[in-house]
């Protein structure tokens, strides 16, 4: 057995940044789950897939948080447990991310019917939970998960660098599916956007009202931007992990660069936070309801002031003046 590889040392500032990223990702994933539970009318099939992705990201962020907090110095039982949980959750997150893109492609471009999408949802469950589970159980049973000297992670445990077939298991437990997502996500979202643009061009000559056309084009441009951001954000977050993986295989000392270490730590742990930004904070229907709930919670203490019961309004002299006072209050907000 060869001597252990020199570890990539994590300074306190780097560890703090990665821990903060884990906490924000867990908060974002929890917020996505909460919005799904609070408002049943927003539970579309696509957002249901997003719920399962959020659950995977939540487990991933929690396991990474424990690994970075512990800063393992060798293989132990909790190192193996943390590595197994993060391997399962991370791989499942890849599958659910691609599943959402595939579902949107089949629903929008191929116009799949409801019974077909229902069967597809069951297939997504089998693949996105089952395949990572089988791979993780096999890796644990064969003792492939362990201390990796932080060269292919940022303090957490993954594939033991002392394993002879470590490259194969690194591919099976994440890198192979990650690289496939790099290719499949941009292709699927490009086809979706191309189909939407063609549909808008075909319908543009039938829009009789110019203001309505402008409104539809504005909403379409917002949707197109979100479609572009989904694969772009995924690649920007995950690419640093792939870079350090390649540098580790090449034996390059650049794998221990502090900038790469921090980018890798944020990229692997902030997926839940990025999804929350896109699908909660940047989605008007969800954002409006969330802000209204926050405003109600903030205004509730002030409403219970000890000034006594409210006095009835003074009777108006004419019905017209009373109606004119009531009009601004009953006007719905837009």
C-alpha atoms as a PDB file:
ATOM      1  CA  UNK A   1       0.000   0.000   0.000  1.00  0.00           C
ATOM      2  CA  UNK A   2       1.410   3.382  -1.038  1.00  0.00           C
ATOM      3  CA  UNK A   3       1.779   6.228   1.422  1.00  0.00           C
ATOM      4  CA  UNK A   4      -1.259   8.510   1.838  1.00  0.00           C
ATOM      5  CA  UNK A   5      -1.496  11.536  -0.421  1.00  0.00           C
ATOM      6  CA  UNK A   6      -0.726  14.881   1.209  1.00  0.00           C
ATOM      7  CA  UNK A   7      -4.048  16.415   2.244  1.00  0.00           C
ATOM      8  CA  UNK A   8      -5.472  19.658   0.945  1.00  0.00           C
ATOM      9  CA  UNK A   9      -5.506  21.787   4.074  1.00  0.00           C
ATOM     10  CA  UNK A  10      -8.647  23.831   4.713  1.00  0.00           C
ATOM     11  CA  UNK A  11      -8.067  27.156   6.422  1.00  0.00           C
ATOM     12  CA  UNK A  12     -10.847  28.418   8.731  1.00  0.00           C
ATOM     13  CA  UNK A  13     -12.019  31.046   6.236  1.00  0.00           C
ATOM     14  CA  UNK A  14     -12.477  28.441   3.486  1.00  0.00           C
ATOM     15  CA  UNK A  15     -14.322  26.130   5.843  1.00  0.00           C
ATOM     16  CA  UNK A  16     -16.599  28.988   6.950  1.00  0.00           C
ATOM     17  CA  UNK A  17     -17.495  29.864   3.345  1.00  0.00           C
ATOM     18  CA  UNK A  18     -18.373  26.266   2.483  1.00  0.00           C
ATOM     19  CA  UNK A  19     -20.387  25.817   5.688  1.00  0.00           C
ATOM     20  CA  UNK A  20     -22.332  28.994   4.876  1.00  0.00           C
ATOM     21  CA  UNK A  21     -22.990  27.690   1.370  1.00  0.00           C
ATOM     22  CA  UNK A  22     -24.291  24.403   2.832  1.00  0.00           C
ATOM     23  CA  UNK A  23     -26.580  26.272   5.233  1.00  0.00           C
ATOM     24  CA  UNK A  24     -27.985  28.520   2.481  1.00  0.00           C
ATOM     25  CA  UNK A  25     -28.540  25.534   0.215  1.00  0.00           C
ATOM     26  CA  UNK A  26     -30.382  23.672   2.968  1.00  0.00           C
ATOM     27  CA  UNK A  27     -32.466  26.793   3.659  1.00  0.00           C
ATOM     28  CA  UNK A  28     -33.302  27.190  -0.030  1.00  0.00           C
ATOM     29  CA  UNK A  29     -34.242  23.530  -0.408  1.00  0.00           C
ATOM     30  CA  UNK A  30     -36.384  23.737   2.716  1.00  0.00           C
ATOM     31  CA  UNK A  31     -38.120  26.824   1.336  1.00  0.00           C
ATOM     32  CA  UNK A  32     -38.931  24.998  -1.891  1.00  0.00           C
ATOM     33  CA  UNK A  33     -40.398  22.119   0.108  1.00  0.00           C
ATOM     34  CA  UNK A  34     -42.382  24.566   2.267  1.00  0.00           C
ATOM     35  CA  UNK A  35     -43.918  26.359  -0.729  1.00  0.00           C
ATOM     36  CA  UNK A  36     -44.982  22.999  -2.139  1.00  0.00           C
ATOM     37  CA  UNK A  37     -46.643  22.079   1.166  1.00  0.00           C
ATOM     38  CA  UNK A  38     -48.311  25.469   1.770  1.00  0.00           C
ATOM     39  CA  UNK A  39     -49.968  26.103  -1.613  1.00  0.00           C
ATOM     40  CA  UNK A  40     -51.580  23.044  -3.236  1.00  0.00           C
ATOM     41  CA  UNK A  41     -52.630  25.006  -6.325  1.00  0.00           C
ATOM     42  CA  UNK A  42     -48.948  25.443  -7.248  1.00  0.00           C
ATOM     43  CA  UNK A  43     -48.300  21.698  -7.236  1.00  0.00           C
ATOM     44  CA  UNK A  44     -47.878  21.207 -10.957  1.00  0.00           C
ATOM     45  CA  UNK A  45     -46.155  18.060 -12.159  1.00  0.00           C
ATOM     46  CA  UNK A  46     -42.986  19.978 -12.998  1.00  0.00           C
ATOM     47  CA  UNK A  47     -42.854  21.536  -9.519  1.00  0.00           C
ATOM     48  CA  UNK A  48     -43.449  18.089  -8.035  1.00  0.00           C
ATOM     49  CA  UNK A  49     -40.273  16.950  -9.761  1.00  0.00           C
ATOM     50  CA  UNK A  50     -38.611  20.039  -8.331  1.00  0.00           C
ATOM     51  CA  UNK A  51     -39.753  18.908  -4.877  1.00  0.00           C
ATOM     52  CA  UNK A  52     -37.872  15.619  -5.222  1.00  0.00           C
ATOM     53  CA  UNK A  53     -34.796  17.475  -6.480  1.00  0.00           C
ATOM     54  CA  UNK A  54     -35.015  19.752  -3.434  1.00  0.00           C
ATOM     55  CA  UNK A  55     -35.163  16.747  -1.097  1.00  0.00           C
ATOM     56  CA  UNK A  56     -32.010  15.336  -2.697  1.00  0.00           C
ATOM     57  CA  UNK A  57     -30.274  18.731  -2.449  1.00  0.00           C
ATOM     58  CA  UNK A  58     -31.345  19.075   1.190  1.00  0.00           C
ATOM     59  CA  UNK A  59     -29.801  15.708   2.101  1.00  0.00           C
ATOM     60  CA  UNK A  60     -26.697  16.569   0.081  1.00  0.00           C
ATOM     61  CA  UNK A  61     -26.221  19.918   1.835  1.00  0.00           C
ATOM     62  CA  UNK A  62     -26.717  18.362   5.286  1.00  0.00           C
ATOM     63  CA  UNK A  63     -24.189  15.580   4.657  1.00  0.00           C
ATOM     64  CA  UNK A  64     -21.645  17.992   3.184  1.00  0.00           C
ATOM     65  CA  UNK A  65     -22.120  20.307   6.165  1.00  0.00           C
ATOM     66  CA  UNK A  66     -21.278  17.483   8.559  1.00  0.00           C
ATOM     67  CA  UNK A  67     -18.238  16.466   6.505  1.00  0.00           C
ATOM     68  CA  UNK A  68     -16.799  19.972   6.319  1.00  0.00           C
ATOM     69  CA  UNK A  69     -17.525  20.571   9.998  1.00  0.00           C
ATOM     70  CA  UNK A  70     -15.772  17.357  11.040  1.00  0.00           C
ATOM     71  CA  UNK A  71     -12.791  17.840   8.676  1.00  0.00           C
ATOM     72  CA  UNK A  72     -11.915  14.138   8.684  1.00  0.00           C
ATOM     73  CA  UNK A  73      -8.278  13.087   8.990  1.00  0.00           C
ATOM     74  CA  UNK A  74      -8.872   9.443   8.075  1.00  0.00           C
ATOM     75  CA  UNK A  75     -11.466   6.790   7.336  1.00  0.00           C
ATOM     76  CA  UNK A  76     -13.937   6.235  10.189  1.00  0.00           C
ATOM     77  CA  UNK A  77     -17.513   5.003  10.531  1.00  0.00           C
ATOM     78  CA  UNK A  78     -19.002   8.505  10.338  1.00  0.00           C
ATOM     79  CA  UNK A  79     -16.727   9.302   7.396  1.00  0.00           C
ATOM     80  CA  UNK A  80     -18.155   6.307   5.517  1.00  0.00           C
ATOM     81  CA  UNK A  81     -21.720   7.231   6.533  1.00  0.00           C
ATOM     82  CA  UNK A  82     -21.310  10.828   5.433  1.00  0.00           C
ATOM     83  CA  UNK A  83     -19.658   9.752   2.178  1.00  0.00           C
ATOM     84  CA  UNK A  84     -22.473   7.303   1.466  1.00  0.00           C
ATOM     85  CA  UNK A  85     -25.218   9.871   2.129  1.00  0.00           C
ATOM     86  CA  UNK A  86     -23.555  12.585   0.048  1.00  0.00           C
ATOM     87  CA  UNK A  87     -22.852  10.109  -2.780  1.00  0.00           C
ATOM     88  CA  UNK A  88     -26.486   8.991  -2.877  1.00  0.00           C
ATOM     89  CA  UNK A  89     -27.927  12.506  -2.603  1.00  0.00           C
ATOM     90  CA  UNK A  90     -25.492  14.092  -5.058  1.00  0.00           C
ATOM     91  CA  UNK A  91     -26.003  11.416  -7.717  1.00  0.00           C
ATOM     92  CA  UNK A  92     -29.766  11.559  -7.210  1.00  0.00           C
ATOM     93  CA  UNK A  93     -29.638  15.331  -7.681  1.00  0.00           C
ATOM     94  CA  UNK A  94     -27.989  14.841 -11.084  1.00  0.00           C
ATOM     95  CA  UNK A  95     -30.712  12.423 -12.157  1.00  0.00           C
ATOM     96  CA  UNK A  96     -33.577  14.645 -10.976  1.00  0.00           C
ATOM     97  CA  UNK A  97     -32.063  17.708 -12.681  1.00  0.00           C
ATOM     98  CA  UNK A  98     -31.955  15.855 -15.989  1.00  0.00           C
ATOM     99  CA  UNK A  99     -35.419  14.373 -15.311  1.00  0.00           C
ATOM    100  CA  UNK A 100     -36.927  17.867 -15.028  1.00  0.00           C
ATOM    101  CA  UNK A 101     -35.347  18.881 -18.336  1.00  0.00           C
ATOM    102  CA  UNK A 102     -36.539  15.668 -20.005  1.00  0.00           C
ATOM    103  CA  UNK A 103     -40.067  16.128 -18.642  1.00  0.00           C
ATOM    104  CA  UNK A 104     -40.250  19.707 -19.960  1.00  0.00           C
ATOM    105  CA  UNK A 105     -38.942  18.559 -23.326  1.00  0.00           C
ATOM    106  CA  UNK A 106     -41.516  15.770 -23.643  1.00  0.00           C
ATOM    107  CA  UNK A 107     -44.370  17.989 -22.403  1.00  0.00           C
ATOM    108  CA  UNK A 108     -43.585  21.051 -24.512  1.00  0.00           C
ATOM    109  CA  UNK A 109     -41.850  19.779 -27.633  1.00  0.00           C
ATOM    110  CA  UNK A 110     -43.331  16.285 -27.954  1.00  0.00           C
ATOM    111  CA  UNK A 111     -46.691  17.267 -26.416  1.00  0.00           C
ATOM    112  CA  UNK A 112     -46.859  14.157 -24.243  1.00  0.00           C
ATOM    113  CA  UNK A 113     -50.313  13.390 -22.817  1.00  0.00           C
ATOM    114  CA  UNK A 114     -51.171  13.126 -19.125  1.00  0.00           C
ATOM    115  CA  UNK A 115     -51.179   9.270 -18.892  1.00  0.00           C
ATOM    116  CA  UNK A 116     -47.774   9.149 -20.573  1.00  0.00           C
ATOM    117  CA  UNK A 117     -46.282  11.741 -18.220  1.00  0.00           C
ATOM    118  CA  UNK A 118     -47.777   9.853 -15.261  1.00  0.00           C
ATOM    119  CA  UNK A 119     -45.932   6.689 -16.228  1.00  0.00           C
ATOM    120  CA  UNK A 120     -42.842   8.768 -16.884  1.00  0.00           C
ATOM    121  CA  UNK A 121     -42.958  10.082 -13.322  1.00  0.00           C
ATOM    122  CA  UNK A 122     -42.755   6.542 -11.959  1.00  0.00           C
ATOM    123  CA  UNK A 123     -39.809   5.852 -14.252  1.00  0.00           C
ATOM    124  CA  UNK A 124     -38.085   8.969 -12.905  1.00  0.00           C
ATOM    125  CA  UNK A 125     -38.524   7.682  -9.357  1.00  0.00           C
ATOM    126  CA  UNK A 126     -37.082   4.274 -10.183  1.00  0.00           C
ATOM    127  CA  UNK A 127     -34.054   5.721 -11.966  1.00  0.00           C
ATOM    128  CA  UNK A 128     -33.372   8.818  -9.848  1.00  0.00           C
ATOM    129  CA  UNK A 129     -33.629   7.016  -6.491  1.00  0.00           C
ATOM    130  CA  UNK A 130     -32.867   3.428  -7.482  1.00  0.00           C
ATOM    131  CA  UNK A 131     -29.674   3.840  -9.514  1.00  0.00           C
ATOM    132  CA  UNK A 132     -27.901   6.048  -6.906  1.00  0.00           C
ATOM    133  CA  UNK A 133     -29.002   3.666  -4.147  1.00  0.00           C
ATOM    134  CA  UNK A 134     -27.580   0.605  -5.930  1.00  0.00           C
ATOM    135  CA  UNK A 135     -24.301   2.395  -6.684  1.00  0.00           C
ATOM    136  CA  UNK A 136     -23.951   3.662  -3.109  1.00  0.00           C
ATOM    137  CA  UNK A 137     -24.706   0.289  -1.528  1.00  0.00           C
ATOM    138  CA  UNK A 138     -22.171  -1.373  -3.828  1.00  0.00           C
ATOM    139  CA  UNK A 139     -19.524   1.251  -2.995  1.00  0.00           C
ATOM    140  CA  UNK A 140     -20.061   0.804   0.750  1.00  0.00           C
ATOM    141  CA  UNK A 141     -20.115  -2.996   0.534  1.00  0.00           C
ATOM    142  CA  UNK A 142     -16.855  -3.052  -1.422  1.00  0.00           C
ATOM    143  CA  UNK A 143     -15.285  -0.491   0.953  1.00  0.00           C
ATOM    144  CA  UNK A 144     -14.636   2.112  -1.722  1.00  0.00           C
ATOM    145  CA  UNK A 145     -15.917   5.084   0.296  1.00  0.00           C
ATOM    146  CA  UNK A 146     -13.465   6.636   2.712  1.00  0.00           C
ATOM    147  CA  UNK A 147     -10.941   9.385   3.305  1.00  0.00           C
ATOM    148  CA  UNK A 148      -9.888  11.174   0.112  1.00  0.00           C
ATOM    149  CA  UNK A 149      -7.387  13.728   1.466  1.00  0.00           C
ATOM    150  CA  UNK A 150      -9.760  16.489   0.268  1.00  0.00           C
ATOM    151  CA  UNK A 151      -8.159  16.380  -3.195  1.00  0.00           C
ATOM    152  CA  UNK A 152     -11.475  15.546  -4.855  1.00  0.00           C
ATOM    153  CA  UNK A 153     -13.645  17.113  -2.150  1.00  0.00           C
ATOM    154  CA  UNK A 154     -13.562  19.992   0.318  1.00  0.00           C
ATOM    155  CA  UNK A 155     -13.271  18.254   3.660  1.00  0.00           C
ATOM    156  CA  UNK A 156     -15.971  15.629   3.188  1.00  0.00           C
ATOM    157  CA  UNK A 157     -15.409  11.925   2.510  1.00  0.00           C
ATOM    158  CA  UNK A 158     -15.971  10.354  -0.878  1.00  0.00           C
ATOM    159  CA  UNK A 159     -13.987   7.665  -2.742  1.00  0.00           C
ATOM    160  CA  UNK A 160     -10.877   6.451  -0.937  1.00  0.00           C
ATOM    161  CA  UNK A 161      -7.843   7.652  -2.913  1.00  0.00           C
ATOM    162  CA  UNK A 162      -5.967   4.510  -1.866  1.00  0.00           C
ATOM    163  CA  UNK A 163      -8.402   2.246  -3.755  1.00  0.00           C
ATOM    164  CA  UNK A 164      -6.804   0.756  -6.863  1.00  0.00           C
ATOM    165  CA  UNK A 165      -9.914   1.245  -9.027  1.00  0.00           C
ATOM    166  CA  UNK A 166     -10.709   4.671  -7.553  1.00  0.00           C
ATOM    167  CA  UNK A 167     -11.129   6.309 -10.980  1.00  0.00           C
ATOM    168  CA  UNK A 168     -13.851   3.847 -11.945  1.00  0.00           C
ATOM    169  CA  UNK A 169     -15.732   4.423  -8.696  1.00  0.00           C
ATOM    170  CA  UNK A 170     -15.349   8.188  -8.932  1.00  0.00           C
ATOM    171  CA  UNK A 171     -17.023   7.980 -12.323  1.00  0.00           C
ATOM    172  CA  UNK A 172     -19.782   5.655 -11.126  1.00  0.00           C
ATOM    173  CA  UNK A 173     -20.548   7.636  -7.959  1.00  0.00           C
ATOM    174  CA  UNK A 174     -20.895  11.008  -9.597  1.00  0.00           C
ATOM    175  CA  UNK A 175     -18.501  12.167 -12.282  1.00  0.00           C
ATOM    176  CA  UNK A 176     -19.942  10.092 -15.138  1.00  0.00           C
ATOM    177  CA  UNK A 177     -23.482  11.357 -14.483  1.00  0.00           C
ATOM    178  CA  UNK A 178     -22.197  14.894 -13.946  1.00  0.00           C
ATOM    179  CA  UNK A 179     -20.474  14.923 -17.350  1.00  0.00           C
ATOM    180  CA  UNK A 180     -23.541  13.456 -19.039  1.00  0.00           C
ATOM    181  CA  UNK A 181     -25.611  16.268 -17.479  1.00  0.00           C
ATOM    182  CA  UNK A 182     -23.171  18.826 -18.920  1.00  0.00           C
ATOM    183  CA  UNK A 183     -24.152  17.594 -22.395  1.00  0.00           C
ATOM    184  CA  UNK A 184     -27.822  16.620 -22.018  1.00  0.00           C
ATOM    185  CA  UNK A 185     -29.060  19.722 -20.153  1.00  0.00           C
ATOM    186  CA  UNK A 186     -27.953  22.342 -22.718  1.00  0.00           C
ATOM    187  CA  UNK A 187     -29.237  20.174 -25.592  1.00  0.00           C
ATOM    188  CA  UNK A 188     -32.688  19.632 -24.041  1.00  0.00           C
ATOM    189  CA  UNK A 189     -33.191  23.264 -23.026  1.00  0.00           C
ATOM    190  CA  UNK A 190     -31.958  24.457 -26.429  1.00  0.00           C
ATOM    191  CA  UNK A 191     -34.573  22.271 -28.129  1.00  0.00           C
ATOM    192  CA  UNK A 192     -37.264  23.551 -25.743  1.00  0.00           C
ATOM    193  CA  UNK A 193     -36.413  27.174 -26.385  1.00  0.00           C
ATOM    194  CA  UNK A 194     -36.233  26.604 -30.132  1.00  0.00           C
ATOM    195  CA  UNK A 195     -39.708  25.053 -30.063  1.00  0.00           C
ATOM    196  CA  UNK A 196     -41.122  27.945 -28.000  1.00  0.00           C
ATOM    197  CA  UNK A 197     -39.632  30.542 -30.365  1.00  0.00           C
ATOM    198  CA  UNK A 198     -41.145  28.783 -33.361  1.00  0.00           C
ATOM    199  CA  UNK A 199     -44.545  28.648 -31.671  1.00  0.00           C
ATOM    200  CA  UNK A 200     -44.426  32.365 -30.866  1.00  0.00           C
ATOM    201  CA  UNK A 201     -43.493  33.224 -34.439  1.00  0.00           C
ATOM    202  CA  UNK A 202     -46.346  31.116 -35.772  1.00  0.00           C
ATOM    203  CA  UNK A 203     -48.882  32.790 -33.447  1.00  0.00           C
ATOM    204  CA  UNK A 204     -47.608  36.354 -33.786  1.00  0.00           C
ATOM    205  CA  UNK A 205     -49.657  37.133 -36.911  1.00  0.00           C
ATOM    206  CA  UNK A 206     -52.857  36.070 -35.137  1.00  0.00           C
ATOM    207  CA  UNK A 207     -52.453  38.446 -32.186  1.00  0.00           C
ATOM    208  CA  UNK A 208     -54.912  41.280 -32.946  1.00  0.00           C
ATOM    209  CA  UNK A 209     -54.094  43.505 -29.989  1.00  0.00           C
ATOM    210  CA  UNK A 210     -50.611  44.992 -29.906  1.00  0.00           C
ATOM    211  CA  UNK A 211     -50.526  45.521 -26.139  1.00  0.00           C
ATOM    212  CA  UNK A 212     -51.502  41.873 -25.573  1.00  0.00           C
ATOM    213  CA  UNK A 213     -48.744  40.770 -27.928  1.00  0.00           C
ATOM    214  CA  UNK A 214     -46.192  42.817 -26.050  1.00  0.00           C
ATOM    215  CA  UNK A 215     -47.372  41.338 -22.756  1.00  0.00           C
ATOM    216  CA  UNK A 216     -47.075  37.780 -24.060  1.00  0.00           C
ATOM    217  CA  UNK A 217     -43.666  38.475 -25.552  1.00  0.00           C
ATOM    218  CA  UNK A 218     -42.483  39.893 -22.217  1.00  0.00           C
ATOM    219  CA  UNK A 219     -43.602  36.780 -20.320  1.00  0.00           C
ATOM    220  CA  UNK A 220     -42.071  34.560 -22.990  1.00  0.00           C
ATOM    221  CA  UNK A 221     -38.734  36.356 -22.733  1.00  0.00           C
ATOM    222  CA  UNK A 222     -38.732  35.841 -18.953  1.00  0.00           C
ATOM    223  CA  UNK A 223     -39.419  32.132 -19.425  1.00  0.00           C
ATOM    224  CA  UNK A 224     -36.688  31.870 -22.053  1.00  0.00           C
ATOM    225  CA  UNK A 225     -34.176  33.488 -19.713  1.00  0.00           C
ATOM    226  CA  UNK A 226     -35.017  30.991 -16.960  1.00  0.00           C
ATOM    227  CA  UNK A 227     -34.617  28.130 -19.417  1.00  0.00           C
ATOM    228  CA  UNK A 228     -31.173  29.411 -20.338  1.00  0.00           C
ATOM    229  CA  UNK A 229     -30.184  29.896 -16.694  1.00  0.00           C
ATOM    230  CA  UNK A 230     -31.016  26.335 -15.610  1.00  0.00           C
ATOM    231  CA  UNK A 231     -28.200  24.553 -17.516  1.00  0.00           C
ATOM    232  CA  UNK A 232     -25.909  27.575 -17.240  1.00  0.00           C
ATOM    233  CA  UNK A 233     -26.104  27.728 -13.440  1.00  0.00           C
ATOM    234  CA  UNK A 234     -25.729  23.962 -13.160  1.00  0.00           C
ATOM    235  CA  UNK A 235     -22.554  23.980 -15.253  1.00  0.00           C
ATOM    236  CA  UNK A 236     -21.111  27.053 -13.513  1.00  0.00           C
ATOM    237  CA  UNK A 237     -21.606  25.429 -10.111  1.00  0.00           C
ATOM    238  CA  UNK A 238     -20.423  21.925 -10.966  1.00  0.00           C
ATOM    239  CA  UNK A 239     -17.536  22.580 -13.344  1.00  0.00           C
ATOM    240  CA  UNK A 240     -15.054  23.311 -10.524  1.00  0.00           C
ATOM    241  CA  UNK A 241     -15.572  19.831  -9.134  1.00  0.00           C
ATOM    242  CA  UNK A 242     -14.750  18.380 -12.548  1.00  0.00           C
ATOM    243  CA  UNK A 243     -11.662  20.572 -12.862  1.00  0.00           C
ATOM    244  CA  UNK A 244     -10.271  19.356  -9.520  1.00  0.00           C
ATOM    245  CA  UNK A 245     -11.129  15.780 -10.472  1.00  0.00           C
ATOM    246  CA  UNK A 246      -9.059  16.047 -13.660  1.00  0.00           C
ATOM    247  CA  UNK A 247      -6.208  17.804 -11.821  1.00  0.00           C
ATOM    248  CA  UNK A 248      -6.188  15.018  -9.217  1.00  0.00           C
ATOM    249  CA  UNK A 249      -5.905  12.371 -11.921  1.00  0.00           C
ATOM    250  CA  UNK A 250      -3.056  14.319 -13.523  1.00  0.00           C
ATOM    251  CA  UNK A 251      -1.267  14.727 -10.175  1.00  0.00           C
ATOM    252  CA  UNK A 252      -1.159  18.507 -10.577  1.00  0.00           C
ATOM    253  CA  UNK A 253      -0.409  20.608  -7.468  1.00  0.00           C
ATOM    254  CA  UNK A 254      -2.974  23.144  -8.745  1.00  0.00           C
ATOM    255  CA  UNK A 255      -5.659  20.926  -7.205  1.00  0.00           C
ATOM    256  CA  UNK A 256      -4.798  22.524  -3.850  1.00  0.00           C
ATOM    257  CA  UNK A 257      -5.302  26.097  -5.089  1.00  0.00           C
ATOM    258  CA  UNK A 258      -7.379  28.001  -2.485  1.00  0.00           C
ATOM    259  CA  UNK A 259      -9.541  29.561  -5.203  1.00  0.00           C
ATOM    260  CA  UNK A 260     -10.369  26.176  -6.728  1.00  0.00           C
ATOM    261  CA  UNK A 261     -11.047  24.694  -3.300  1.00  0.00           C
ATOM    262  CA  UNK A 262     -13.551  27.434  -2.411  1.00  0.00           C
ATOM    263  CA  UNK A 263     -15.249  27.333  -5.827  1.00  0.00           C
ATOM    264  CA  UNK A 264     -15.503  23.560  -5.590  1.00  0.00           C
ATOM    265  CA  UNK A 265     -16.978  23.790  -2.104  1.00  0.00           C
ATOM    266  CA  UNK A 266     -19.577  26.360  -3.119  1.00  0.00           C
ATOM    267  CA  UNK A 267     -20.418  24.637  -6.404  1.00  0.00           C
ATOM    268  CA  UNK A 268     -21.094  21.251  -4.843  1.00  0.00           C
ATOM    269  CA  UNK A 269     -23.159  22.590  -1.958  1.00  0.00           C
ATOM    270  CA  UNK A 270     -25.162  25.551  -3.320  1.00  0.00           C
ATOM    271  CA  UNK A 271     -27.399  23.746  -5.828  1.00  0.00           C
ATOM    272  CA  UNK A 272     -30.404  23.964  -3.508  1.00  0.00           C
ATOM    273  CA  UNK A 273     -29.866  27.687  -3.007  1.00  0.00           C
ATOM    274  CA  UNK A 274     -29.616  28.285  -6.759  1.00  0.00           C
ATOM    275  CA  UNK A 275     -32.848  26.362  -7.385  1.00  0.00           C
ATOM    276  CA  UNK A 276     -34.578  28.425  -4.682  1.00  0.00           C
ATOM    277  CA  UNK A 277     -33.461  31.668  -6.339  1.00  0.00           C
ATOM    278  CA  UNK A 278     -34.749  30.548  -9.749  1.00  0.00           C
ATOM    279  CA  UNK A 279     -38.005  28.845  -8.788  1.00  0.00           C
ATOM    280  CA  UNK A 280     -39.058  30.832  -5.697  1.00  0.00           C
ATOM    281  CA  UNK A 281     -37.523  34.310  -5.681  1.00  0.00           C
ATOM    282  CA  UNK A 282     -37.587  34.666  -9.488  1.00  0.00           C
ATOM    283  CA  UNK A 283     -41.085  33.177  -9.932  1.00  0.00           C
ATOM    284  CA  UNK A 284     -43.674  35.919  -9.454  1.00  0.00           C
ATOM    285  CA  UNK A 285     -46.574  33.718  -8.346  1.00  0.00           C
ATOM    286  CA  UNK A 286     -44.510  32.080  -5.593  1.00  0.00           C
ATOM    287  CA  UNK A 287     -42.620  35.247  -4.652  1.00  0.00           C
ATOM    288  CA  UNK A 288     -45.816  37.278  -4.227  1.00  0.00           C
ATOM    289  CA  UNK A 289     -47.372  34.712  -1.903  1.00  0.00           C
ATOM    290  CA  UNK A 290     -44.182  34.307   0.074  1.00  0.00           C
ATOM    291  CA  UNK A 291     -43.818  38.053   0.600  1.00  0.00           C
ATOM    292  CA  UNK A 292     -47.466  38.359   1.619  1.00  0.00           C
ATOM    293  CA  UNK A 293     -46.967  35.654   4.252  1.00  0.00           C
ATOM    294  CA  UNK A 294     -43.867  37.451   5.553  1.00  0.00           C
ATOM    295  CA  UNK A 295     -45.722  40.786   5.661  1.00  0.00           C
ATOM    296  CA  UNK A 296     -48.626  39.211   7.569  1.00  0.00           C
ATOM    297  CA  UNK A 297     -46.233  37.711  10.108  1.00  0.00           C
ATOM    298  CA  UNK A 298     -44.446  41.044  10.560  1.00  0.00           C
ATOM    299  CA  UNK A 299     -47.642  43.114  10.873  1.00  0.00           C
ATOM    300  CA  UNK A 300     -49.347  40.742  13.312  1.00  0.00           C
ATOM    301  CA  UNK A 301     -47.626  42.078  16.478  1.00  0.00           C
ATOM    302  CA  UNK A 302     -48.411  45.677  15.570  1.00  0.00           C
ATOM    303  CA  UNK A 303     -52.082  44.799  15.060  1.00  0.00           C
ATOM    304  CA  UNK A 304     -52.314  43.614  18.654  1.00  0.00           C
ATOM    305  CA  UNK A 305     -51.453  47.003  20.174  1.00  0.00           C
ATOM    306  CA  UNK A 306     -52.727  47.757  23.718  1.00  0.00           C
ATOM    307  CA  UNK A 307     -54.543  50.904  22.646  1.00  0.00           C
ATOM    308  CA  UNK A 308     -57.917  49.343  23.337  1.00  0.00           C
ATOM    309  CA  UNK A 309     -60.665  48.240  20.983  1.00  0.00           C
ATOM    310  CA  UNK A 310     -60.977  50.190  17.753  1.00  0.00           C
ATOM    311  CA  UNK A 311     -63.580  52.904  17.732  1.00  0.00           C
ATOM    312  CA  UNK A 312     -66.364  52.749  15.161  1.00  0.00           C
ATOM    313  CA  UNK A 313     -66.004  55.283  12.356  1.00  0.00           C
ATOM    314  CA  UNK A 314     -68.024  58.451  12.616  1.00  0.00           C
ATOM    315  CA  UNK A 315     -71.199  58.322  10.557  1.00  0.00           C
ATOM    316  CA  UNK A 316     -70.998  60.303   7.368  1.00  0.00           C
ATOM    317  CA  UNK A 317     -73.569  62.912   6.480  1.00  0.00           C
ATOM    318  CA  UNK A 318     -74.207  61.661   2.969  1.00  0.00           C
ATOM    319  CA  UNK A 319     -73.956  58.266   1.320  1.00  0.00           C
ATOM    320  CA  UNK A 320     -71.748  59.685  -1.412  1.00  0.00           C
ATOM    321  CA  UNK A 321     -69.009  60.830   0.968  1.00  0.00           C
ATOM    322  CA  UNK A 322     -69.091  57.429   2.679  1.00  0.00           C
ATOM    323  CA  UNK A 323     -68.727  55.644  -0.636  1.00  0.00           C
ATOM    324  CA  UNK A 324     -65.900  57.934  -1.708  1.00  0.00           C
ATOM    325  CA  UNK A 325     -63.964  57.111   1.471  1.00  0.00           C
ATOM    326  CA  UNK A 326     -64.484  53.382   1.050  1.00  0.00           C
ATOM    327  CA  UNK A 327     -63.423  53.214  -2.593  1.00  0.00           C
ATOM    328  CA  UNK A 328     -59.618  53.471  -2.156  1.00  0.00           C
ATOM    329  CA  UNK A 329     -59.672  50.778   0.550  1.00  0.00           C
ATOM    330  CA  UNK A 330     -61.586  48.205  -1.508  1.00  0.00           C
ATOM    331  CA  UNK A 331     -59.579  48.715  -4.699  1.00  0.00           C
ATOM    332  CA  UNK A 332     -57.688  45.464  -5.440  1.00  0.00           C
ATOM    333  CA  UNK A 333     -53.961  45.649  -5.896  1.00  0.00           C
ATOM    334  CA  UNK A 334     -52.503  44.764  -9.259  1.00  0.00           C
END
